[in-house]
N, C-alpha and C. Protein backbone atom coordinates (compact mmCIF):
# COMPACT_ATOMS: atom_id res chain seq x y z
N MET A 1 0.82 -1.19 0.00
CA MET A 1 0.00 0.00 0.00
C MET A 1 0.87 1.27 0.00
N ASP A 2 1.96 1.23 0.79
CA ASP A 2 2.86 2.39 0.84
C ASP A 2 3.44 2.68 -0.55
N LYS A 3 3.84 1.61 -1.26
CA LYS A 3 4.40 1.77 -2.60
C LYS A 3 3.39 2.39 -3.55
N LEU A 4 2.12 1.95 -3.42
CA LEU A 4 1.08 2.49 -4.29
C LEU A 4 0.86 3.97 -4.03
N ILE A 5 0.87 4.35 -2.76
CA ILE A 5 0.67 5.76 -2.40
C ILE A 5 1.83 6.60 -2.92
N ILE A 6 3.05 6.09 -2.72
CA ILE A 6 4.23 6.82 -3.19
C ILE A 6 4.20 6.96 -4.71
N GLY A 7 3.83 5.86 -5.37
CA GLY A 7 3.77 5.88 -6.83
C GLY A 7 2.72 6.85 -7.33
N PHE A 8 1.56 6.86 -6.69
CA PHE A 8 0.49 7.77 -7.10
C PHE A 8 0.90 9.22 -6.87
N ASP A 9 1.55 9.48 -5.75
CA ASP A 9 2.02 10.84 -5.46
C ASP A 9 3.02 11.30 -6.51
N LYS A 10 3.93 10.42 -6.90
CA LYS A 10 4.92 10.80 -7.91
C LYS A 10 4.25 11.06 -9.24
N ALA A 11 3.28 10.21 -9.60
CA ALA A 11 2.57 10.40 -10.87
C ALA A 11 1.89 11.75 -10.91
N LEU A 12 1.23 12.13 -9.83
CA LEU A 12 0.58 13.43 -9.77
C LEU A 12 1.59 14.56 -9.91
N ARG A 13 2.73 14.41 -9.25
CA ARG A 13 3.77 15.44 -9.29
C ARG A 13 4.33 15.59 -10.70
N ILE A 14 4.58 14.47 -11.36
CA ILE A 14 5.14 14.51 -12.71
C ILE A 14 4.15 15.12 -13.70
N VAL A 15 2.90 14.66 -13.64
CA VAL A 15 1.89 15.16 -14.57
C VAL A 15 1.59 16.63 -14.32
N ALA A 16 1.70 17.06 -13.06
CA ALA A 16 1.43 18.46 -12.73
C ALA A 16 2.59 19.39 -13.07
N GLY A 17 3.68 18.83 -13.56
CA GLY A 17 4.80 19.67 -13.96
C GLY A 17 5.71 20.06 -12.82
N MET A 18 5.82 19.23 -11.80
CA MET A 18 6.63 19.56 -10.63
C MET A 18 7.97 18.82 -10.62
N ALA A 19 8.48 18.50 -11.80
CA ALA A 19 9.77 17.80 -11.88
C ALA A 19 10.90 18.72 -11.43
N THR A 20 11.91 18.13 -10.81
CA THR A 20 13.09 18.89 -10.38
C THR A 20 14.33 18.23 -10.97
N ALA A 21 15.29 19.06 -11.35
CA ALA A 21 16.52 18.56 -11.96
C ALA A 21 17.64 18.53 -10.93
N THR A 22 18.46 17.48 -10.98
CA THR A 22 19.65 17.40 -10.13
C THR A 22 20.89 17.88 -10.87
N ARG A 23 20.77 18.00 -12.21
CA ARG A 23 21.86 18.53 -13.02
C ARG A 23 21.41 19.84 -13.65
N ALA A 24 22.36 20.75 -13.80
CA ALA A 24 22.05 22.01 -14.46
C ALA A 24 21.71 21.76 -15.92
N SER A 25 20.79 22.54 -16.44
CA SER A 25 20.42 22.40 -17.84
C SER A 25 21.62 22.70 -18.74
N PRO A 26 21.82 21.92 -19.79
CA PRO A 26 22.91 22.19 -20.74
C PRO A 26 22.78 23.56 -21.40
N ALA A 27 21.59 24.15 -21.30
CA ALA A 27 21.34 25.44 -21.96
C ALA A 27 21.54 26.63 -21.04
N ILE A 28 21.89 26.37 -19.79
CA ILE A 28 21.85 27.44 -18.79
C ILE A 28 22.81 28.59 -19.11
N GLU A 29 23.94 28.29 -19.70
CA GLU A 29 24.92 29.34 -19.97
C GLU A 29 24.92 29.80 -21.44
N ILE A 30 23.94 29.32 -22.19
CA ILE A 30 23.84 29.71 -23.59
C ILE A 30 22.92 30.91 -23.72
N GLU A 31 23.37 31.90 -24.42
CA GLU A 31 22.59 33.13 -24.57
C GLU A 31 21.38 32.88 -25.47
N GLU A 32 20.25 33.44 -25.06
CA GLU A 32 19.03 33.33 -25.86
C GLU A 32 19.19 34.09 -27.16
N THR A 33 18.70 33.51 -28.24
CA THR A 33 18.74 34.18 -29.54
C THR A 33 17.32 34.52 -29.98
N ILE A 34 17.22 35.50 -30.84
CA ILE A 34 15.91 35.92 -31.34
C ILE A 34 15.46 34.95 -32.43
N LEU A 35 14.27 34.39 -32.24
CA LEU A 35 13.69 33.49 -33.23
C LEU A 35 12.47 34.15 -33.84
N ASP A 36 12.28 33.96 -35.15
CA ASP A 36 11.05 34.47 -35.74
C ASP A 36 9.90 33.59 -35.28
N SER A 37 8.67 34.04 -35.51
CA SER A 37 7.50 33.35 -34.96
C SER A 37 7.39 31.91 -35.44
N SER A 38 7.74 31.66 -36.71
CA SER A 38 7.65 30.31 -37.24
C SER A 38 8.67 29.39 -36.58
N SER A 39 9.89 29.87 -36.43
CA SER A 39 10.94 29.07 -35.80
C SER A 39 10.62 28.81 -34.33
N ARG A 40 10.09 29.82 -33.67
CA ARG A 40 9.74 29.67 -32.26
C ARG A 40 8.64 28.62 -32.08
N ARG A 41 7.64 28.66 -32.95
CA ARG A 41 6.56 27.67 -32.86
C ARG A 41 7.08 26.26 -33.12
N HIS A 42 7.99 26.16 -34.08
CA HIS A 42 8.53 24.84 -34.41
C HIS A 42 9.37 24.30 -33.25
N SER A 43 10.23 25.15 -32.70
CA SER A 43 11.04 24.72 -31.55
C SER A 43 10.15 24.30 -30.39
N ALA A 44 9.11 25.09 -30.14
CA ALA A 44 8.20 24.78 -29.04
C ALA A 44 7.49 23.46 -29.28
N GLY A 45 7.06 23.22 -30.52
CA GLY A 45 6.39 21.96 -30.83
C GLY A 45 7.29 20.77 -30.57
N LEU A 46 8.54 20.88 -30.99
CA LEU A 46 9.47 19.77 -30.79
C LEU A 46 9.80 19.58 -29.31
N MET A 47 9.96 20.68 -28.59
CA MET A 47 10.27 20.55 -27.17
C MET A 47 9.07 20.02 -26.38
N ARG A 48 7.87 20.33 -26.84
CA ARG A 48 6.68 19.75 -26.20
C ARG A 48 6.65 18.23 -26.43
N VAL A 49 6.97 17.81 -27.64
CA VAL A 49 7.07 16.38 -27.93
C VAL A 49 8.10 15.73 -27.01
N ASN A 50 9.24 16.37 -26.84
CA ASN A 50 10.29 15.81 -25.98
C ASN A 50 9.86 15.78 -24.52
N HIS A 51 9.10 16.79 -24.10
CA HIS A 51 8.59 16.80 -22.74
C HIS A 51 7.63 15.64 -22.52
N VAL A 52 6.75 15.40 -23.50
CA VAL A 52 5.83 14.26 -23.41
C VAL A 52 6.61 12.95 -23.36
N GLY A 53 7.68 12.87 -24.15
CA GLY A 53 8.51 11.67 -24.12
C GLY A 53 9.07 11.40 -22.75
N GLU A 54 9.40 12.47 -22.04
CA GLU A 54 9.94 12.30 -20.69
C GLU A 54 8.85 11.96 -19.68
N ILE A 55 7.64 12.46 -19.90
CA ILE A 55 6.50 12.02 -19.09
C ILE A 55 6.34 10.50 -19.22
N CYS A 56 6.41 10.03 -20.47
CA CYS A 56 6.28 8.60 -20.73
C CYS A 56 7.43 7.81 -20.11
N ALA A 57 8.64 8.38 -20.17
CA ALA A 57 9.80 7.69 -19.60
C ALA A 57 9.63 7.50 -18.10
N GLN A 58 9.10 8.51 -17.41
CA GLN A 58 8.87 8.38 -15.98
C GLN A 58 7.89 7.24 -15.70
N ALA A 59 6.81 7.19 -16.49
CA ALA A 59 5.81 6.15 -16.28
C ALA A 59 6.38 4.76 -16.57
N LEU A 60 7.14 4.65 -17.65
CA LEU A 60 7.72 3.36 -18.03
C LEU A 60 8.66 2.84 -16.94
N TYR A 61 9.59 3.69 -16.52
CA TYR A 61 10.56 3.24 -15.53
C TYR A 61 9.91 2.97 -14.17
N ASP A 62 8.92 3.79 -13.81
CA ASP A 62 8.23 3.55 -12.54
C ASP A 62 7.50 2.21 -12.56
N ALA A 63 6.82 1.94 -13.67
CA ALA A 63 6.07 0.67 -13.77
C ALA A 63 7.01 -0.52 -13.80
N GLN A 64 8.07 -0.42 -14.58
CA GLN A 64 9.01 -1.55 -14.69
C GLN A 64 9.70 -1.81 -13.35
N GLY A 65 10.05 -0.75 -12.65
CA GLY A 65 10.66 -0.92 -11.34
C GLY A 65 9.68 -1.49 -10.33
N GLN A 66 8.44 -1.03 -10.39
CA GLN A 66 7.41 -1.47 -9.45
C GLN A 66 7.15 -2.97 -9.56
N PHE A 67 7.17 -3.49 -10.78
CA PHE A 67 6.79 -4.88 -11.00
C PHE A 67 7.97 -5.83 -11.17
N SER A 68 9.18 -5.32 -11.08
CA SER A 68 10.36 -6.19 -11.14
C SER A 68 10.60 -6.82 -9.76
N LYS A 69 11.03 -8.07 -9.77
CA LYS A 69 11.35 -8.75 -8.52
C LYS A 69 12.85 -8.72 -8.21
N ASN A 70 13.62 -8.08 -9.09
CA ASN A 70 15.07 -8.01 -8.97
C ASN A 70 15.46 -6.67 -8.34
N SER A 71 16.03 -6.68 -7.14
CA SER A 71 16.34 -5.44 -6.43
C SER A 71 17.38 -4.60 -7.18
N GLU A 72 18.36 -5.26 -7.80
CA GLU A 72 19.37 -4.51 -8.57
C GLU A 72 18.72 -3.82 -9.76
N LEU A 73 17.83 -4.51 -10.41
CA LEU A 73 17.15 -3.93 -11.56
C LEU A 73 16.24 -2.78 -11.15
N ARG A 74 15.56 -2.94 -10.02
CA ARG A 74 14.72 -1.85 -9.52
C ARG A 74 15.56 -0.60 -9.28
N GLN A 75 16.77 -0.80 -8.75
CA GLN A 75 17.66 0.33 -8.50
C GLN A 75 18.08 0.99 -9.81
N LYS A 76 18.37 0.20 -10.81
CA LYS A 76 18.77 0.75 -12.12
C LYS A 76 17.62 1.55 -12.75
N PHE A 77 16.41 1.04 -12.61
CA PHE A 77 15.26 1.76 -13.14
C PHE A 77 15.10 3.10 -12.40
N ALA A 78 15.31 3.08 -11.10
CA ALA A 78 15.18 4.31 -10.31
C ALA A 78 16.24 5.33 -10.72
N GLU A 79 17.46 4.85 -10.97
CA GLU A 79 18.54 5.75 -11.38
C GLU A 79 18.24 6.36 -12.75
N ALA A 80 17.75 5.54 -13.66
CA ALA A 80 17.42 6.04 -15.00
C ALA A 80 16.27 7.04 -14.92
N ALA A 81 15.28 6.76 -14.08
CA ALA A 81 14.15 7.68 -13.93
C ALA A 81 14.61 9.02 -13.37
N ARG A 82 15.61 8.98 -12.48
CA ARG A 82 16.14 10.22 -11.91
C ARG A 82 16.78 11.08 -13.01
N GLU A 83 17.55 10.47 -13.88
CA GLU A 83 18.14 11.22 -14.99
C GLU A 83 17.08 11.71 -15.95
N GLU A 84 16.07 10.88 -16.19
CA GLU A 84 15.00 11.30 -17.09
C GLU A 84 14.21 12.47 -16.50
N GLU A 85 14.15 12.55 -15.17
CA GLU A 85 13.46 13.69 -14.56
C GLU A 85 14.22 14.99 -14.82
N ASP A 86 15.54 14.90 -14.94
CA ASP A 86 16.31 16.07 -15.36
C ASP A 86 15.81 16.54 -16.72
N HIS A 87 15.67 15.60 -17.64
CA HIS A 87 15.18 15.94 -18.98
C HIS A 87 13.80 16.58 -18.91
N LEU A 88 12.96 16.04 -18.05
CA LEU A 88 11.60 16.56 -17.90
C LEU A 88 11.64 18.01 -17.44
N ALA A 89 12.48 18.30 -16.46
CA ALA A 89 12.58 19.67 -15.95
C ALA A 89 13.19 20.60 -17.01
N TRP A 90 14.22 20.13 -17.70
CA TRP A 90 14.86 20.97 -18.72
C TRP A 90 13.88 21.33 -19.83
N THR A 91 13.14 20.35 -20.32
CA THR A 91 12.23 20.63 -21.43
C THR A 91 11.07 21.51 -20.99
N ALA A 92 10.59 21.31 -19.77
CA ALA A 92 9.51 22.17 -19.25
C ALA A 92 9.97 23.61 -19.16
N HIS A 93 11.19 23.80 -18.66
CA HIS A 93 11.73 25.15 -18.54
C HIS A 93 11.91 25.80 -19.91
N ARG A 94 12.39 25.01 -20.86
CA ARG A 94 12.60 25.54 -22.20
C ARG A 94 11.28 25.93 -22.85
N LEU A 95 10.24 25.14 -22.63
CA LEU A 95 8.93 25.49 -23.16
C LEU A 95 8.47 26.84 -22.62
N GLY A 96 8.73 27.07 -21.34
CA GLY A 96 8.39 28.36 -20.75
C GLY A 96 9.16 29.50 -21.40
N GLU A 97 10.44 29.27 -21.65
CA GLU A 97 11.25 30.30 -22.30
C GLU A 97 10.75 30.60 -23.71
N LEU A 98 10.21 29.58 -24.36
CA LEU A 98 9.70 29.76 -25.72
C LEU A 98 8.27 30.29 -25.72
N GLY A 99 7.73 30.51 -24.54
CA GLY A 99 6.39 31.06 -24.43
C GLY A 99 5.30 30.08 -24.83
N SER A 100 5.56 28.79 -24.61
CA SER A 100 4.60 27.78 -25.03
C SER A 100 4.14 26.95 -23.84
N HIS A 101 3.30 25.96 -24.12
CA HIS A 101 2.64 25.17 -23.08
C HIS A 101 3.05 23.71 -23.14
N ARG A 102 2.85 23.01 -22.01
CA ARG A 102 3.01 21.57 -21.99
C ARG A 102 1.76 20.91 -22.57
N SER A 103 1.87 19.67 -22.97
CA SER A 103 0.73 18.97 -23.56
C SER A 103 -0.40 18.83 -22.54
N ILE A 104 -1.61 19.15 -22.97
CA ILE A 104 -2.76 19.00 -22.08
C ILE A 104 -3.14 17.53 -21.91
N LEU A 105 -2.54 16.67 -22.72
CA LEU A 105 -2.84 15.23 -22.65
C LEU A 105 -1.83 14.47 -21.79
N ASN A 106 -1.04 15.17 -21.01
CA ASN A 106 -0.01 14.50 -20.21
C ASN A 106 -0.54 13.38 -19.31
N PRO A 107 -1.70 13.56 -18.65
CA PRO A 107 -2.21 12.44 -17.84
C PRO A 107 -2.47 11.19 -18.68
N PHE A 108 -2.97 11.39 -19.89
CA PHE A 108 -3.22 10.26 -20.79
C PHE A 108 -1.92 9.59 -21.19
N TRP A 109 -0.91 10.40 -21.56
CA TRP A 109 0.39 9.84 -21.96
C TRP A 109 1.00 9.04 -20.82
N TYR A 110 0.92 9.58 -19.60
CA TYR A 110 1.51 8.89 -18.44
C TYR A 110 0.81 7.55 -18.22
N ALA A 111 -0.52 7.56 -18.22
CA ALA A 111 -1.28 6.34 -17.96
C ALA A 111 -0.99 5.27 -19.01
N GLY A 112 -0.97 5.68 -20.26
CA GLY A 112 -0.70 4.71 -21.33
C GLY A 112 0.68 4.10 -21.22
N ALA A 113 1.68 4.94 -20.95
CA ALA A 113 3.05 4.45 -20.83
C ALA A 113 3.20 3.54 -19.62
N TYR A 114 2.48 3.84 -18.54
CA TYR A 114 2.57 2.99 -17.34
C TYR A 114 2.06 1.59 -17.64
N VAL A 115 0.98 1.51 -18.40
CA VAL A 115 0.43 0.20 -18.79
C VAL A 115 1.45 -0.58 -19.61
N PHE A 116 2.11 0.11 -20.57
CA PHE A 116 3.13 -0.55 -21.38
C PHE A 116 4.27 -1.05 -20.49
N GLY A 117 4.71 -0.22 -19.56
CA GLY A 117 5.81 -0.61 -18.69
C GLY A 117 5.46 -1.79 -17.80
N ALA A 118 4.25 -1.77 -17.27
CA ALA A 118 3.82 -2.88 -16.41
C ALA A 118 3.73 -4.18 -17.20
N ALA A 119 3.21 -4.09 -18.43
CA ALA A 119 3.10 -5.28 -19.27
C ALA A 119 4.48 -5.85 -19.59
N ALA A 120 5.45 -4.94 -19.88
CA ALA A 120 6.81 -5.39 -20.18
C ALA A 120 7.42 -6.09 -18.96
N ALA A 121 7.20 -5.51 -17.79
CA ALA A 121 7.77 -6.09 -16.56
C ALA A 121 7.20 -7.46 -16.27
N LYS A 122 5.93 -7.66 -16.56
CA LYS A 122 5.29 -8.93 -16.29
C LYS A 122 5.84 -10.06 -17.17
N LEU A 123 6.52 -9.69 -18.26
CA LEU A 123 7.10 -10.70 -19.15
C LEU A 123 8.45 -11.21 -18.64
N GLY A 124 8.95 -10.61 -17.56
CA GLY A 124 10.24 -11.02 -17.00
C GLY A 124 11.30 -9.96 -17.21
N ASP A 125 12.33 -10.04 -16.40
CA ASP A 125 13.35 -8.98 -16.41
C ASP A 125 14.08 -8.86 -17.75
N ALA A 126 14.43 -9.97 -18.37
CA ALA A 126 15.18 -9.91 -19.62
C ALA A 126 14.37 -9.23 -20.72
N ARG A 127 13.09 -9.55 -20.79
CA ARG A 127 12.24 -8.92 -21.80
C ARG A 127 11.93 -7.47 -21.43
N SER A 128 11.82 -7.20 -20.15
CA SER A 128 11.61 -5.83 -19.71
C SER A 128 12.81 -4.96 -20.08
N LEU A 129 14.01 -5.50 -19.90
CA LEU A 129 15.23 -4.79 -20.29
C LEU A 129 15.28 -4.61 -21.81
N GLY A 130 14.82 -5.63 -22.53
CA GLY A 130 14.77 -5.52 -23.99
C GLY A 130 13.85 -4.40 -24.43
N PHE A 131 12.76 -4.22 -23.69
CA PHE A 131 11.84 -3.12 -23.97
C PHE A 131 12.53 -1.78 -23.76
N VAL A 132 13.37 -1.69 -22.72
CA VAL A 132 14.14 -0.46 -22.49
C VAL A 132 15.09 -0.20 -23.65
N VAL A 133 15.80 -1.23 -24.07
CA VAL A 133 16.77 -1.08 -25.18
C VAL A 133 16.07 -0.56 -26.43
N GLU A 134 14.93 -1.17 -26.78
CA GLU A 134 14.22 -0.77 -27.99
C GLU A 134 13.62 0.63 -27.84
N THR A 135 13.09 0.92 -26.66
CA THR A 135 12.55 2.26 -26.42
C THR A 135 13.63 3.32 -26.58
N GLU A 136 14.78 3.08 -25.96
CA GLU A 136 15.86 4.06 -26.02
C GLU A 136 16.43 4.17 -27.44
N ARG A 137 16.43 3.07 -28.17
CA ARG A 137 16.89 3.13 -29.56
C ARG A 137 15.98 4.03 -30.39
N GLN A 138 14.68 3.86 -30.21
CA GLN A 138 13.74 4.68 -30.96
C GLN A 138 13.78 6.14 -30.51
N VAL A 139 13.94 6.37 -29.21
CA VAL A 139 14.01 7.74 -28.70
C VAL A 139 15.27 8.44 -29.20
N GLU A 140 16.39 7.72 -29.21
CA GLU A 140 17.64 8.31 -29.68
C GLU A 140 17.52 8.72 -31.15
N ALA A 141 16.90 7.88 -31.96
CA ALA A 141 16.70 8.21 -33.37
C ALA A 141 15.77 9.41 -33.52
N HIS A 142 14.77 9.45 -32.68
CA HIS A 142 13.82 10.55 -32.67
C HIS A 142 14.51 11.87 -32.31
N LEU A 143 15.36 11.84 -31.29
CA LEU A 143 16.09 13.05 -30.88
C LEU A 143 17.08 13.49 -31.95
N ALA A 144 17.72 12.52 -32.59
CA ALA A 144 18.64 12.85 -33.68
C ALA A 144 17.91 13.56 -34.81
N SER A 145 16.68 13.12 -35.09
CA SER A 145 15.89 13.78 -36.14
C SER A 145 15.53 15.20 -35.73
N HIS A 146 15.33 15.43 -34.44
CA HIS A 146 15.05 16.78 -33.97
C HIS A 146 16.26 17.70 -34.17
N LEU A 147 17.44 17.16 -33.98
CA LEU A 147 18.64 17.96 -34.20
C LEU A 147 18.77 18.35 -35.67
N ASP A 148 18.20 17.55 -36.55
CA ASP A 148 18.23 17.87 -37.98
C ASP A 148 17.25 18.98 -38.34
N THR A 149 16.21 19.14 -37.53
CA THR A 149 15.15 20.08 -37.90
C THR A 149 15.00 21.28 -36.99
N LEU A 150 15.56 21.22 -35.77
CA LEU A 150 15.52 22.40 -34.90
C LEU A 150 16.26 23.56 -35.57
N PRO A 151 15.75 24.78 -35.44
CA PRO A 151 16.44 25.93 -36.02
C PRO A 151 17.89 26.00 -35.52
N LEU A 152 18.81 26.23 -36.43
CA LEU A 152 20.23 26.28 -36.05
C LEU A 152 20.50 27.36 -35.01
N GLN A 153 19.74 28.45 -35.07
CA GLN A 153 19.97 29.55 -34.14
C GLN A 153 19.42 29.27 -32.74
N ASP A 154 18.58 28.23 -32.62
CA ASP A 154 18.04 27.88 -31.31
C ASP A 154 19.04 26.97 -30.58
N LYS A 155 20.11 27.57 -30.16
CA LYS A 155 21.20 26.80 -29.55
C LYS A 155 20.81 26.23 -28.18
N LYS A 156 19.93 26.89 -27.48
CA LYS A 156 19.52 26.40 -26.16
C LYS A 156 18.76 25.08 -26.29
N SER A 157 17.78 25.04 -27.18
CA SER A 157 17.02 23.79 -27.38
C SER A 157 17.92 22.69 -27.90
N ARG A 158 18.82 23.04 -28.81
CA ARG A 158 19.70 22.04 -29.40
C ARG A 158 20.63 21.43 -28.35
N ALA A 159 21.11 22.25 -27.42
CA ALA A 159 22.00 21.74 -26.36
C ALA A 159 21.27 20.76 -25.46
N ILE A 160 20.01 21.07 -25.15
CA ILE A 160 19.21 20.17 -24.31
C ILE A 160 18.97 18.84 -25.01
N VAL A 161 18.57 18.91 -26.27
CA VAL A 161 18.27 17.70 -27.02
C VAL A 161 19.51 16.82 -27.18
N GLU A 162 20.66 17.43 -27.41
CA GLU A 162 21.88 16.64 -27.58
C GLU A 162 22.25 15.91 -26.29
N GLN A 163 22.12 16.58 -25.14
CA GLN A 163 22.43 15.89 -23.88
C GLN A 163 21.43 14.78 -23.60
N MET A 164 20.18 15.03 -23.91
CA MET A 164 19.17 13.99 -23.76
C MET A 164 19.52 12.78 -24.63
N ARG A 165 19.93 13.04 -25.85
CA ARG A 165 20.29 11.95 -26.77
C ARG A 165 21.42 11.10 -26.20
N LEU A 166 22.43 11.74 -25.66
CA LEU A 166 23.56 11.01 -25.08
C LEU A 166 23.12 10.18 -23.87
N ASP A 167 22.26 10.74 -23.05
CA ASP A 167 21.76 10.00 -21.88
C ASP A 167 20.94 8.79 -22.30
N GLU A 168 20.12 8.94 -23.34
CA GLU A 168 19.29 7.82 -23.79
C GLU A 168 20.17 6.68 -24.32
N ILE A 169 21.22 7.03 -25.05
CA ILE A 169 22.15 6.01 -25.54
C ILE A 169 22.75 5.24 -24.36
N ALA A 170 23.13 5.96 -23.32
CA ALA A 170 23.72 5.33 -22.14
C ALA A 170 22.72 4.41 -21.44
N HIS A 171 21.47 4.83 -21.33
CA HIS A 171 20.45 4.00 -20.69
C HIS A 171 20.24 2.71 -21.46
N GLY A 172 20.20 2.83 -22.78
CA GLY A 172 20.03 1.62 -23.60
C GLY A 172 21.19 0.67 -23.47
N ALA A 173 22.40 1.23 -23.42
CA ALA A 173 23.60 0.40 -23.29
C ALA A 173 23.62 -0.32 -21.95
N THR A 174 23.20 0.37 -20.90
CA THR A 174 23.15 -0.25 -19.57
C THR A 174 22.17 -1.42 -19.55
N ALA A 175 20.99 -1.20 -20.13
CA ALA A 175 19.99 -2.27 -20.18
C ALA A 175 20.50 -3.46 -20.98
N GLN A 176 21.19 -3.19 -22.08
CA GLN A 176 21.74 -4.27 -22.91
C GLN A 176 22.76 -5.08 -22.14
N SER A 177 23.59 -4.40 -21.36
CA SER A 177 24.65 -5.08 -20.61
C SER A 177 24.11 -5.94 -19.48
N MET A 178 22.86 -5.70 -19.09
CA MET A 178 22.26 -6.45 -17.99
C MET A 178 21.49 -7.68 -18.46
N GLY A 179 21.58 -7.97 -19.76
CA GLY A 179 20.98 -9.21 -20.25
C GLY A 179 19.66 -9.04 -20.97
N ALA A 180 19.49 -7.93 -21.66
CA ALA A 180 18.24 -7.68 -22.36
C ALA A 180 18.03 -8.66 -23.51
N LEU A 181 16.79 -9.08 -23.69
CA LEU A 181 16.40 -9.89 -24.84
C LEU A 181 15.82 -8.96 -25.91
N ARG A 182 16.13 -9.25 -27.15
CA ARG A 182 15.67 -8.41 -28.26
C ARG A 182 14.14 -8.46 -28.38
N VAL A 183 13.55 -7.29 -28.54
CA VAL A 183 12.10 -7.21 -28.71
C VAL A 183 11.74 -7.71 -30.11
N PRO A 184 10.74 -8.58 -30.25
CA PRO A 184 10.32 -9.08 -31.57
C PRO A 184 9.96 -7.93 -32.51
N VAL A 185 10.22 -8.13 -33.79
CA VAL A 185 9.99 -7.08 -34.79
C VAL A 185 8.54 -6.56 -34.78
N PRO A 186 7.53 -7.42 -34.71
CA PRO A 186 6.16 -6.89 -34.67
C PRO A 186 5.92 -5.92 -33.50
N ILE A 187 6.54 -6.22 -32.35
CA ILE A 187 6.40 -5.33 -31.19
C ILE A 187 7.15 -4.03 -31.44
N GLN A 188 8.32 -4.11 -32.07
CA GLN A 188 9.06 -2.90 -32.42
C GLN A 188 8.21 -1.98 -33.29
N ARG A 189 7.54 -2.59 -34.27
CA ARG A 189 6.71 -1.80 -35.18
C ARG A 189 5.52 -1.19 -34.46
N MET A 190 4.94 -1.97 -33.54
CA MET A 190 3.82 -1.45 -32.76
C MET A 190 4.26 -0.27 -31.91
N MET A 191 5.44 -0.38 -31.28
CA MET A 191 5.97 0.70 -30.47
C MET A 191 6.20 1.96 -31.32
N ALA A 192 6.73 1.76 -32.52
CA ALA A 192 6.99 2.89 -33.41
C ALA A 192 5.68 3.56 -33.83
N ALA A 193 4.65 2.75 -34.07
CA ALA A 193 3.36 3.31 -34.48
C ALA A 193 2.73 4.13 -33.35
N VAL A 194 2.81 3.62 -32.13
CA VAL A 194 2.28 4.35 -30.98
C VAL A 194 3.06 5.65 -30.79
N ALA A 195 4.38 5.58 -30.94
CA ALA A 195 5.21 6.77 -30.79
C ALA A 195 4.86 7.81 -31.84
N LYS A 196 4.55 7.36 -33.05
CA LYS A 196 4.18 8.28 -34.12
C LYS A 196 2.91 9.04 -33.78
N ILE A 197 1.95 8.35 -33.24
CA ILE A 197 0.70 9.00 -32.83
C ILE A 197 0.98 10.03 -31.75
N MET A 198 1.80 9.64 -30.77
CA MET A 198 2.11 10.54 -29.66
C MET A 198 2.84 11.78 -30.13
N THR A 199 3.87 11.61 -30.95
CA THR A 199 4.67 12.76 -31.37
C THR A 199 3.88 13.69 -32.27
N THR A 200 3.06 13.14 -33.14
CA THR A 200 2.27 13.97 -34.04
C THR A 200 1.24 14.80 -33.25
N THR A 201 0.63 14.18 -32.25
CA THR A 201 -0.38 14.87 -31.45
C THR A 201 0.26 15.90 -30.52
N ALA A 202 1.33 15.49 -29.83
CA ALA A 202 1.95 16.37 -28.84
C ALA A 202 2.60 17.60 -29.46
N TYR A 203 2.96 17.55 -30.73
CA TYR A 203 3.55 18.72 -31.38
C TYR A 203 2.60 19.91 -31.32
N TYR A 204 1.29 19.62 -31.35
CA TYR A 204 0.29 20.68 -31.37
C TYR A 204 -0.46 20.86 -30.06
N ILE A 205 -0.71 19.72 -29.38
CA ILE A 205 -1.62 19.77 -28.21
C ILE A 205 -0.87 19.47 -26.92
């Protein structure tokens, strides 16, 4: 019961935008540049997508940690979630700087991702780790594509996305080293399809 209460409290805090960072934002010392309205809207849309991705990451890691029976693995999930919360705080702050909003569908994104994480955990630790590897692989590719399309003059957003990309690569590598099993191709495609729906919607809403 205590775990459920703690988990529910964290979910409310994350969805309400109360994330806190333990690391300084990579953009903190970068001077703000003037963006035209189109570039600003595009940067904001991409950063909102990234913020939603971090909402989902919190739900995934919380669910996988909650349902894992391996204490070492639970600790690794907690450590990864802590780093992902940095990303959540950085992207939220950047959205504010860009004069934009977080996704109004964040409670939905969190709930959906939690279900995915719980289902992965129920398949066993090796498959749960495989889910992490595939998730981080897709997220890293997604962030790399953002670096291709973010306005070059938006150096603050680009610095945040690059650090996020490096962290995601590290999380995937850690999961792989712990004995992850490869996710079947049909599941990979399903994950990509769900991610496409999320990113397309979160860009605007």
